[in-house]
């Protein structure tokens, strides 16, 4: 899911979210002490950011996302990963106003 908000044409804030499937591989122990070979579960993410658009054909994206899932095997607590990122976006739909 990706939602943008109309603002100044060279700045586009957005919010985003999603769900996926995560696979943890081997090396752990369950609460009973027996070795585990891995675990699979749902993972969620959500975040917000802004696109800075200096040209019609590309933008610079600043984004902050959080990934959520539970701890593998025991599923007792949440595992959170905060991901700040910067990237380049190539824009194929070129708005003539820019």
PDB file of N, CA and C in Angstrom:
ATOM      1  N   UNK A   1       0.858  -1.165   0.000  1.00  0.00           N
ATOM      2  CA  UNK A   1       0.000   0.000   0.000  1.00  0.00           C
ATOM      3  C   UNK A   1       0.903   1.226   0.000  1.00  0.00           C
ATOM      4  N   UNK A   2       0.540   2.219  -0.781  1.00  0.00           N
ATOM      5  CA  UNK A   2       1.345   3.425  -0.910  1.00  0.00           C
ATOM      6  C   UNK A   2       0.391   4.578  -1.145  1.00  0.00           C
ATOM      7  N   UNK A   3       0.373   5.564  -0.245  1.00  0.00           N
ATOM      8  CA  UNK A   3      -0.564   6.687  -0.338  1.00  0.00           C
ATOM      9  C   UNK A   3       0.230   7.977  -0.377  1.00  0.00           C
ATOM     10  N   UNK A   4      -0.042   8.851  -1.351  1.00  0.00           N
ATOM     11  CA  UNK A   4       0.608  10.153  -1.396  1.00  0.00           C
ATOM     12  C   UNK A   4      -0.407  11.241  -1.117  1.00  0.00           C
ATOM     13  N   UNK A   5       0.071  12.424  -0.752  1.00  0.00           N
ATOM     14  CA  UNK A   5      -0.786  13.552  -0.448  1.00  0.00           C
ATOM     15  C   UNK A   5      -0.409  14.722  -1.354  1.00  0.00           C
ATOM     16  N   UNK A   6      -1.389  15.400  -1.960  1.00  0.00           N
ATOM     17  CA  UNK A   6      -1.054  16.534  -2.825  1.00  0.00           C
ATOM     18  C   UNK A   6      -0.519  17.708  -2.000  1.00  0.00           C
ATOM     19  N   UNK A   7       0.623  18.219  -2.404  1.00  0.00           N
ATOM     20  CA  UNK A   7       1.243  19.357  -1.729  1.00  0.00           C
ATOM     21  C   UNK A   7       1.964  20.177  -2.783  1.00  0.00           C
ATOM     22  N   UNK A   8       2.963  20.897  -2.369  1.00  0.00           N
ATOM     23  CA  UNK A   8       3.856  21.585  -3.276  1.00  0.00           C
ATOM     24  C   UNK A   8       4.371  20.568  -4.295  1.00  0.00           C
ATOM     25  N   UNK A   9       4.350  20.862  -5.614  1.00  0.00           N
ATOM     26  CA  UNK A   9       4.655  19.834  -6.618  1.00  0.00           C
ATOM     27  C   UNK A   9       6.056  19.216  -6.514  1.00  0.00           C
ATOM     28  N   UNK A  10       7.009  19.882  -5.879  1.00  0.00           N
ATOM     29  CA  UNK A  10       8.361  19.324  -5.773  1.00  0.00           C
ATOM     30  C   UNK A  10       8.584  18.549  -4.482  1.00  0.00           C
ATOM     31  N   UNK A  11       7.563  18.474  -3.630  1.00  0.00           N
ATOM     32  CA  UNK A  11       7.618  17.679  -2.399  1.00  0.00           C
ATOM     33  C   UNK A  11       6.375  16.816  -2.324  1.00  0.00           C
ATOM     34  N   UNK A  12       6.551  15.508  -2.160  1.00  0.00           N
ATOM     35  CA  UNK A  12       5.407  14.601  -2.046  1.00  0.00           C
ATOM     36  C   UNK A  12       5.569  13.729  -0.809  1.00  0.00           C
ATOM     37  N   UNK A  13       4.884  14.056   0.298  1.00  0.00           N
ATOM     38  CA  UNK A  13       4.914  13.161   1.461  1.00  0.00           C
ATOM     39  C   UNK A  13       4.054  11.926   1.189  1.00  0.00           C
ATOM     40  N   UNK A  14       4.367  10.826   1.856  1.00  0.00           N
ATOM     41  CA  UNK A  14       3.602   9.591   1.664  1.00  0.00           C
ATOM     42  C   UNK A  14       3.642   8.751   2.933  1.00  0.00           C
ATOM     43  N   UNK A  15       2.677   7.839   3.035  1.00  0.00           N
ATOM     44  CA  UNK A  15       2.670   6.798   4.059  1.00  0.00           C
ATOM     45  C   UNK A  15       2.600   5.461   3.342  1.00  0.00           C
ATOM     46  N   UNK A  16       3.122   4.435   3.970  1.00  0.00           N
ATOM     47  CA  UNK A  16       3.164   3.126   3.333  1.00  0.00           C
ATOM     48  C   UNK A  16       3.042   2.035   4.394  1.00  0.00           C
ATOM     49  N   UNK A  17       2.605   0.864   3.988  1.00  0.00           N
ATOM     50  CA  UNK A  17       2.484  -0.264   4.904  1.00  0.00           C
ATOM     51  C   UNK A  17       2.359  -1.554   4.136  1.00  0.00           C
ATOM     52  N   UNK A  18       2.616  -2.659   4.797  1.00  0.00           N
ATOM     53  CA  UNK A  18       2.509  -3.936   4.109  1.00  0.00           C
ATOM     54  C   UNK A  18       2.599  -5.108   5.063  1.00  0.00           C
ATOM     55  N   UNK A  19       2.366  -6.276   4.507  1.00  0.00           N
ATOM     56  CA  UNK A  19       2.464  -7.520   5.262  1.00  0.00           C
ATOM     57  C   UNK A  19       3.231  -8.510   4.393  1.00  0.00           C
ATOM     58  N   UNK A  20       4.011  -9.374   5.040  1.00  0.00           N
ATOM     59  CA  UNK A  20       4.794 -10.354   4.297  1.00  0.00           C
ATOM     60  C   UNK A  20       5.015 -11.606   5.112  1.00  0.00           C
ATOM     61  N   UNK A  21       5.843 -12.470   4.587  1.00  0.00           N
ATOM     62  CA  UNK A  21       6.157 -13.742   5.220  1.00  0.00           C
ATOM     63  C   UNK A  21       7.647 -13.756   5.513  1.00  0.00           C
ATOM     64  N   UNK A  22       8.025 -14.143   6.734  1.00  0.00           N
ATOM     65  CA  UNK A  22       9.412 -14.107   7.159  1.00  0.00           C
ATOM     66  C   UNK A  22       9.876 -15.506   7.517  1.00  0.00           C
ATOM     67  N   UNK A  23      11.128 -15.819   7.200  1.00  0.00           N
ATOM     68  CA  UNK A  23      11.684 -17.138   7.455  1.00  0.00           C
ATOM     69  C   UNK A  23      12.999 -16.992   8.214  1.00  0.00           C
ATOM     70  N   UNK A  24      13.055 -17.492   9.445  1.00  0.00           N
ATOM     71  CA  UNK A  24      14.275 -17.507  10.242  1.00  0.00           C
ATOM     72  C   UNK A  24      14.887 -18.899  10.110  1.00  0.00           C
ATOM     73  N   UNK A  25      16.167 -18.959   9.846  1.00  0.00           N
ATOM     74  CA  UNK A  25      16.825 -20.250   9.667  1.00  0.00           C
ATOM     75  C   UNK A  25      17.707 -20.605  10.850  1.00  0.00           C
ATOM     76  N   UNK A  26      17.563 -21.824  11.351  1.00  0.00           N
ATOM     77  CA  UNK A  26      18.375 -22.567  12.290  1.00  0.00           C
ATOM     78  C   UNK A  26      19.087 -21.889  13.447  1.00  0.00           C
ATOM     79  N   UNK A  27      19.792 -22.720  14.188  1.00  0.00           N
ATOM     80  CA  UNK A  27      20.715 -22.286  15.198  1.00  0.00           C
ATOM     81  C   UNK A  27      20.158 -21.902  16.558  1.00  0.00           C
ATOM     82  N   UNK A  28      18.877 -21.987  16.795  1.00  0.00           N
ATOM     83  CA  UNK A  28      18.315 -21.573  18.077  1.00  0.00           C
ATOM     84  C   UNK A  28      17.849 -22.737  18.917  1.00  0.00           C
ATOM     85  N   UNK A  29      17.299 -22.402  20.091  1.00  0.00           N
ATOM     86  CA  UNK A  29      16.750 -23.411  20.993  1.00  0.00           C
ATOM     87  C   UNK A  29      15.358 -22.978  21.418  1.00  0.00           C
ATOM     88  N   UNK A  30      14.438 -23.920  21.513  1.00  0.00           N
ATOM     89  CA  UNK A  30      13.082 -23.618  21.963  1.00  0.00           C
ATOM     90  C   UNK A  30      13.077 -23.452  23.480  1.00  0.00           C
ATOM     91  N   UNK A  31      11.922 -23.085  24.043  1.00  0.00           N
ATOM     92  CA  UNK A  31      11.823 -22.891  25.496  1.00  0.00           C
ATOM     93  C   UNK A  31      12.061 -24.193  26.264  1.00  0.00           C
ATOM     94  N   UNK A  32      11.862 -25.348  25.617  1.00  0.00           N
ATOM     95  CA  UNK A  32      12.112 -26.629  26.281  1.00  0.00           C
ATOM     96  C   UNK A  32      13.576 -27.056  26.185  1.00  0.00           C
ATOM     97  N   UNK A  33      14.403 -26.272  25.443  1.00  0.00           N
ATOM     98  CA  UNK A  33      15.826 -26.586  25.342  1.00  0.00           C
ATOM     99  C   UNK A  33      16.200 -27.415  24.134  1.00  0.00           C
ATOM    100  N   UNK A  34      15.220 -27.826  23.320  1.00  0.00           N
ATOM    101  CA  UNK A  34      15.547 -28.622  22.137  1.00  0.00           C
ATOM    102  C   UNK A  34      15.983 -27.700  20.985  1.00  0.00           C
ATOM    103  N   UNK A  35      16.920 -28.171  20.156  1.00  0.00           N
ATOM    104  CA  UNK A  35      17.395 -27.335  19.044  1.00  0.00           C
ATOM    105  C   UNK A  35      16.299 -27.133  17.990  1.00  0.00           C
ATOM    106  N   UNK A  36      16.344 -25.989  17.322  1.00  0.00           N
ATOM    107  CA  UNK A  36      15.364 -25.682  16.277  1.00  0.00           C
ATOM    108  C   UNK A  36      16.070 -25.549  14.933  1.00  0.00           C
ATOM    109  N   UNK A  37      15.330 -25.773  13.876  1.00  0.00           N
ATOM    110  CA  UNK A  37      15.893 -25.630  12.530  1.00  0.00           C
ATOM    111  C   UNK A  37      15.420 -24.344  11.858  1.00  0.00           C
ATOM    112  N   UNK A  38      14.492 -23.635  12.437  1.00  0.00           N
ATOM    113  CA  UNK A  38      14.016 -22.391  11.862  1.00  0.00           C
ATOM    114  C   UNK A  38      12.564 -22.126  12.221  1.00  0.00           C
ATOM    115  N   UNK A  39      12.048 -21.043  11.695  1.00  0.00           N
ATOM    116  CA  UNK A  39      10.677 -20.652  12.000  1.00  0.00           C
ATOM    117  C   UNK A  39      10.175 -19.752  10.881  1.00  0.00           C
ATOM    118  N   UNK A  40       8.887 -19.818  10.603  1.00  0.00           N
ATOM    119  CA  UNK A  40       8.246 -18.968   9.602  1.00  0.00           C
ATOM    120  C   UNK A  40       7.047 -18.284  10.223  1.00  0.00           C
ATOM    121  N   UNK A  41       6.808 -17.029   9.825  1.00  0.00           N
ATOM    122  CA  UNK A  41       5.684 -16.281  10.389  1.00  0.00           C
ATOM    123  C   UNK A  41       5.413 -15.034   9.565  1.00  0.00           C
ATOM    124  N   UNK A  42       4.285 -14.388   9.879  1.00  0.00           N
ATOM    125  CA  UNK A  42       3.955 -13.123   9.232  1.00  0.00           C
ATOM    126  C   UNK A  42       4.829 -12.009   9.777  1.00  0.00           C
ATOM    127  N   UNK A  43       5.098 -11.024   8.939  1.00  0.00           N
ATOM    128  CA  UNK A  43       5.827  -9.826   9.344  1.00  0.00           C
ATOM    129  C   UNK A  43       5.069  -8.616   8.796  1.00  0.00           C
ATOM    130  N   UNK A  44       5.085  -7.531   9.523  1.00  0.00           N
ATOM    131  CA  UNK A  44       4.353  -6.324   9.152  1.00  0.00           C
ATOM    132  C   UNK A  44       5.336  -5.172   9.007  1.00  0.00           C
ATOM    133  N   UNK A  45       4.994  -4.193   8.188  1.00  0.00           N
ATOM    134  CA  UNK A  45       5.811  -2.991   8.126  1.00  0.00           C
ATOM    135  C   UNK A  45       4.927  -1.785   7.853  1.00  0.00           C
ATOM    136  N   UNK A  46       5.357  -0.648   8.335  1.00  0.00           N
ATOM    137  CA  UNK A  46       4.659   0.603   8.074  1.00  0.00           C
ATOM    138  C   UNK A  46       5.661   1.742   8.196  1.00  0.00           C
ATOM    139  N   UNK A  47       5.345   2.857   7.568  1.00  0.00           N
ATOM    140  CA  UNK A  47       6.268   3.978   7.626  1.00  0.00           C
ATOM    141  C   UNK A  47       5.741   5.196   6.907  1.00  0.00           C
ATOM    142  N   UNK A  48       6.607   6.186   6.796  1.00  0.00           N
ATOM    143  CA  UNK A  48       6.272   7.439   6.125  1.00  0.00           C
ATOM    144  C   UNK A  48       7.551   8.017   5.549  1.00  0.00           C
ATOM    145  N   UNK A  49       7.374   8.941   4.623  1.00  0.00           N
ATOM    146  CA  UNK A  49       8.540   9.567   4.021  1.00  0.00           C
ATOM    147  C   UNK A  49       8.144  10.731   3.144  1.00  0.00           C
ATOM    148  N   UNK A  50       9.131  11.223   2.412  1.00  0.00           N
ATOM    149  CA  UNK A  50       8.898  12.334   1.505  1.00  0.00           C
ATOM    150  C   UNK A  50       9.779  12.165   0.277  1.00  0.00           C
ATOM    151  N   UNK A  51       9.207  12.465  -0.891  1.00  0.00           N
ATOM    152  CA  UNK A  51       9.961  12.509  -2.138  1.00  0.00           C
ATOM    153  C   UNK A  51      10.275  13.958  -2.450  1.00  0.00           C
ATOM    154  N   UNK A  52      11.545  14.262  -2.692  1.00  0.00           N
ATOM    155  CA  UNK A  52      11.974  15.581  -3.129  1.00  0.00           C
ATOM    156  C   UNK A  52      12.228  15.453  -4.630  1.00  0.00           C
ATOM    157  N   UNK A  53      11.495  16.233  -5.431  1.00  0.00           N
ATOM    158  CA  UNK A  53      11.496  16.054  -6.884  1.00  0.00           C
ATOM    159  C   UNK A  53      12.171  17.253  -7.556  1.00  0.00           C
ATOM    160  N   UNK A  54      13.489  17.181  -7.808  1.00  0.00           N
ATOM    161  CA  UNK A  54      14.161  18.293  -8.468  1.00  0.00           C
ATOM    162  C   UNK A  54      13.946  18.316  -9.986  1.00  0.00           C
ATOM    163  N   UNK A  55      13.669  17.165 -10.596  1.00  0.00           N
ATOM    164  CA  UNK A  55      13.461  17.034 -12.042  1.00  0.00           C
ATOM    165  C   UNK A  55      12.223  16.174 -12.290  1.00  0.00           C
ATOM    166  N   UNK A  56      11.687  16.245 -13.494  1.00  0.00           N
ATOM    167  CA  UNK A  56      10.500  15.439 -13.808  1.00  0.00           C
ATOM    168  C   UNK A  56      10.791  13.948 -13.816  1.00  0.00           C
ATOM    169  N   UNK A  57      12.026  13.548 -14.115  1.00  0.00           N
ATOM    170  CA  UNK A  57      12.328  12.138 -14.350  1.00  0.00           C
ATOM    171  C   UNK A  57      12.858  11.379 -13.137  1.00  0.00           C
ATOM    172  N   UNK A  58      13.205  12.067 -12.062  1.00  0.00           N
ATOM    173  CA  UNK A  58      13.669  11.353 -10.871  1.00  0.00           C
ATOM    174  C   UNK A  58      13.400  12.169  -9.607  1.00  0.00           C
ATOM    175  N   UNK A  59      13.479  11.477  -8.479  1.00  0.00           N
ATOM    176  CA  UNK A  59      13.271  12.113  -7.170  1.00  0.00           C
ATOM    177  C   UNK A  59      14.239  11.498  -6.167  1.00  0.00           C
ATOM    178  N   UNK A  60      14.468  12.197  -5.083  1.00  0.00           N
ATOM    179  CA  UNK A  60      15.246  11.670  -3.964  1.00  0.00           C
ATOM    180  C   UNK A  60      14.243  11.351  -2.853  1.00  0.00           C
ATOM    181  N   UNK A  61      14.285  10.118  -2.351  1.00  0.00           N
ATOM    182  CA  UNK A  61      13.307   9.661  -1.356  1.00  0.00           C
ATOM    183  C   UNK A  61      13.959   9.499   0.014  1.00  0.00           C
ATOM    184  N   UNK A  62      13.324  10.107   1.028  1.00  0.00           N
ATOM    185  CA  UNK A  62      13.702   9.941   2.422  1.00  0.00           C
ATOM    186  C   UNK A  62      12.557   9.183   3.085  1.00  0.00           C
ATOM    187  N   UNK A  63      12.883   8.067   3.750  1.00  0.00           N
ATOM    188  CA  UNK A  63      11.829   7.214   4.297  1.00  0.00           C
ATOM    189  C   UNK A  63      12.253   6.651   5.648  1.00  0.00           C
ATOM    190  N   UNK A  64      11.266   6.466   6.522  1.00  0.00           N
ATOM    191  CA  UNK A  64      11.482   5.816   7.812  1.00  0.00           C
ATOM    192  C   UNK A  64      10.427   4.731   7.946  1.00  0.00           C
ATOM    193  N   UNK A  65      10.853   3.485   8.124  1.00  0.00           N
ATOM    194  CA  UNK A  65       9.948   2.342   8.214  1.00  0.00           C
ATOM    195  C   UNK A  65      10.219   1.543   9.476  1.00  0.00           C
ATOM    196  N   UNK A  66       9.170   0.877   9.964  1.00  0.00           N
ATOM    197  CA  UNK A  66       9.319  -0.046  11.081  1.00  0.00           C
ATOM    198  C   UNK A  66       8.817  -1.415  10.643  1.00  0.00           C
ATOM    199  N   UNK A  67       9.638  -2.434  10.875  1.00  0.00           N
ATOM    200  CA  UNK A  67       9.268  -3.817  10.582  1.00  0.00           C
ATOM    201  C   UNK A  67       8.956  -4.506  11.900  1.00  0.00           C
ATOM    202  N   UNK A  68       7.813  -5.176  11.973  1.00  0.00           N
ATOM    203  CA  UNK A  68       7.366  -5.850  13.204  1.00  0.00           C
ATOM    204  C   UNK A  68       7.140  -7.335  12.959  1.00  0.00           C
ATOM    205  N   UNK A  69       7.580  -8.143  13.876  1.00  0.00           N
ATOM    206  CA  UNK A  69       7.294  -9.572  13.869  1.00  0.00           C
ATOM    207  C   UNK A  69       7.485 -10.061  15.304  1.00  0.00           C
ATOM    208  N   UNK A  70       7.230 -11.323  15.581  1.00  0.00           N
ATOM    209  CA  UNK A  70       7.476 -11.846  16.927  1.00  0.00           C
ATOM    210  C   UNK A  70       8.813 -12.582  16.940  1.00  0.00           C
ATOM    211  N   UNK A  71       9.355 -12.789  18.130  1.00  0.00           N
ATOM    212  CA  UNK A  71      10.633 -13.487  18.264  1.00  0.00           C
ATOM    213  C   UNK A  71      10.453 -14.924  17.775  1.00  0.00           C
ATOM    214  N   UNK A  72      11.383 -15.420  16.954  1.00  0.00           N
ATOM    215  CA  UNK A  72      11.241 -16.773  16.401  1.00  0.00           C
ATOM    216  C   UNK A  72      11.131 -17.845  17.487  1.00  0.00           C
ATOM    217  N   UNK A  73      10.486 -18.914  17.169  1.00  0.00           N
ATOM    218  CA  UNK A  73      10.289 -20.126  17.960  1.00  0.00           C
ATOM    219  C   UNK A  73       9.336 -19.915  19.129  1.00  0.00           C
ATOM    220  N   UNK A  74       9.668 -19.034  20.088  1.00  0.00           N
ATOM    221  CA  UNK A  74       8.824 -18.871  21.274  1.00  0.00           C
ATOM    222  C   UNK A  74       7.633 -17.952  21.033  1.00  0.00           C
ATOM    223  N   UNK A  75       7.755 -16.987  20.137  1.00  0.00           N
ATOM    224  CA  UNK A  75       6.694 -16.028  19.813  1.00  0.00           C
ATOM    225  C   UNK A  75       6.166 -15.320  21.065  1.00  0.00           C
ATOM    226  N   UNK A  76       7.075 -14.975  21.966  1.00  0.00           N
ATOM    227  CA  UNK A  76       6.642 -14.362  23.219  1.00  0.00           C
ATOM    228  C   UNK A  76       6.673 -12.840  23.181  1.00  0.00           C
ATOM    229  N   UNK A  77       7.600 -12.249  22.461  1.00  0.00           N
ATOM    230  CA  UNK A  77       7.732 -10.799  22.402  1.00  0.00           C
ATOM    231  C   UNK A  77       7.824 -10.331  20.957  1.00  0.00           C
ATOM    232  N   UNK A  78       7.746  -9.015  20.812  1.00  0.00           N
ATOM    233  CA  UNK A  78       7.874  -8.415  19.486  1.00  0.00           C
ATOM    234  C   UNK A  78       9.332  -8.204  19.124  1.00  0.00           C
ATOM    235  N   UNK A  79       9.616  -8.314  17.851  1.00  0.00           N
ATOM    236  CA  UNK A  79      10.916  -7.986  17.298  1.00  0.00           C
ATOM    237  C   UNK A  79      10.699  -6.778  16.400  1.00  0.00           C
ATOM    238  N   UNK A  80      11.370  -5.664  16.681  1.00  0.00           N
ATOM    239  CA  UNK A  80      11.173  -4.436  15.933  1.00  0.00           C
ATOM    240  C   UNK A  80      12.474  -4.021  15.265  1.00  0.00           C
ATOM    241  N   UNK A  81      12.382  -3.603  14.021  1.00  0.00           N
ATOM    242  CA  UNK A  81      13.526  -3.065  13.292  1.00  0.00           C
ATOM    243  C   UNK A  81      13.126  -1.724  12.719  1.00  0.00           C
ATOM    244  N   UNK A  82      13.857  -0.677  13.086  1.00  0.00           N
ATOM    245  CA  UNK A  82      13.619   0.653  12.541  1.00  0.00           C
ATOM    246  C   UNK A  82      14.600   0.864  11.386  1.00  0.00           C
ATOM    247  N   UNK A  83      14.076   1.290  10.236  1.00  0.00           N
ATOM    248  CA  UNK A  83      14.911   1.419   9.048  1.00  0.00           C
ATOM    249  C   UNK A  83      14.761   2.808   8.438  1.00  0.00           C
ATOM    250  N   UNK A  84      15.734   3.696   8.680  1.00  0.00           N
ATOM    251  CA  UNK A  84      15.757   4.959   7.944  1.00  0.00           C
ATOM    252  C   UNK A  84      16.461   4.701   6.612  1.00  0.00           C
ATOM    253  N   UNK A  85      15.975   5.297   5.528  1.00  0.00           N
ATOM    254  CA  UNK A  85      16.618   5.073   4.236  1.00  0.00           C
ATOM    255  C   UNK A  85      16.531   6.303   3.341  1.00  0.00           C
ATOM    256  N   UNK A  86      17.487   6.372   2.428  1.00  0.00           N
ATOM    257  CA  UNK A  86      17.539   7.413   1.401  1.00  0.00           C
ATOM    258  C   UNK A  86      17.753   6.699   0.082  1.00  0.00           C
ATOM    259  N   UNK A  87      17.039   7.123  -0.959  1.00  0.00           N
ATOM    260  CA  UNK A  87      17.191   6.474  -2.251  1.00  0.00           C
ATOM    261  C   UNK A  87      16.807   7.383  -3.400  1.00  0.00           C
ATOM    262  N   UNK A  88      17.002   6.870  -4.599  1.00  0.00           N
ATOM    263  CA  UNK A  88      16.643   7.584  -5.822  1.00  0.00           C
ATOM    264  C   UNK A  88      15.448   6.883  -6.453  1.00  0.00           C
ATOM    265  N   UNK A  89      14.476   7.658  -6.884  1.00  0.00           N
ATOM    266  CA  UNK A  89      13.267   7.134  -7.528  1.00  0.00           C
ATOM    267  C   UNK A  89      13.275   7.597  -8.982  1.00  0.00           C
ATOM    268  N   UNK A  90      13.161   6.651  -9.906  1.00  0.00           N
ATOM    269  CA  UNK A  90      13.025   6.998 -11.320  1.00  0.00           C
ATOM    270  C   UNK A  90      11.536   7.092 -11.635  1.00  0.00           C
ATOM    271  N   UNK A  91      11.117   8.228 -12.164  1.00  0.00           N
ATOM    272  CA  UNK A  91       9.702   8.510 -12.382  1.00  0.00           C
ATOM    273  C   UNK A  91       9.368   8.352 -13.858  1.00  0.00           C
ATOM    274  N   UNK A  92       8.539   7.361 -14.186  1.00  0.00           N
ATOM    275  CA  UNK A  92       8.135   7.128 -15.572  1.00  0.00           C
ATOM    276  C   UNK A  92       6.908   7.941 -15.942  1.00  0.00           C
ATOM    277  N   UNK A  93       6.089   8.250 -14.940  1.00  0.00           N
ATOM    278  CA  UNK A  93       4.935   9.138 -15.157  1.00  0.00           C
ATOM    279  C   UNK A  93       5.424  10.551 -14.884  1.00  0.00           C
ATOM    280  N   UNK A  94       5.693  11.315 -15.937  1.00  0.00           N
ATOM    281  CA  UNK A  94       6.307  12.619 -15.794  1.00  0.00           C
ATOM    282  C   UNK A  94       5.234  13.710 -15.789  1.00  0.00           C
ATOM    283  N   UNK A  95       5.050  14.331 -14.667  1.00  0.00           N
ATOM    284  CA  UNK A  95       4.081  15.416 -14.530  1.00  0.00           C
ATOM    285  C   UNK A  95       4.617  16.657 -15.239  1.00  0.00           C
ATOM    286  N   UNK A  96       3.869  17.201 -16.171  1.00  0.00           N
ATOM    287  CA  UNK A  96       4.325  18.339 -16.969  1.00  0.00           C
ATOM    288  C   UNK A  96       4.470  19.607 -16.131  1.00  0.00           C
ATOM    289  N   UNK A  97       3.863  19.679 -14.951  1.00  0.00           N
ATOM    290  CA  UNK A  97       3.936  20.871 -14.101  1.00  0.00           C
ATOM    291  C   UNK A  97       5.327  21.052 -13.505  1.00  0.00           C
ATOM    292  N   UNK A  98       6.122  19.990 -13.423  1.00  0.00           N
ATOM    293  CA  UNK A  98       7.431  20.072 -12.769  1.00  0.00           C
ATOM    294  C   UNK A  98       8.489  20.584 -13.708  1.00  0.00           C
TER     295      UNK A  98
END
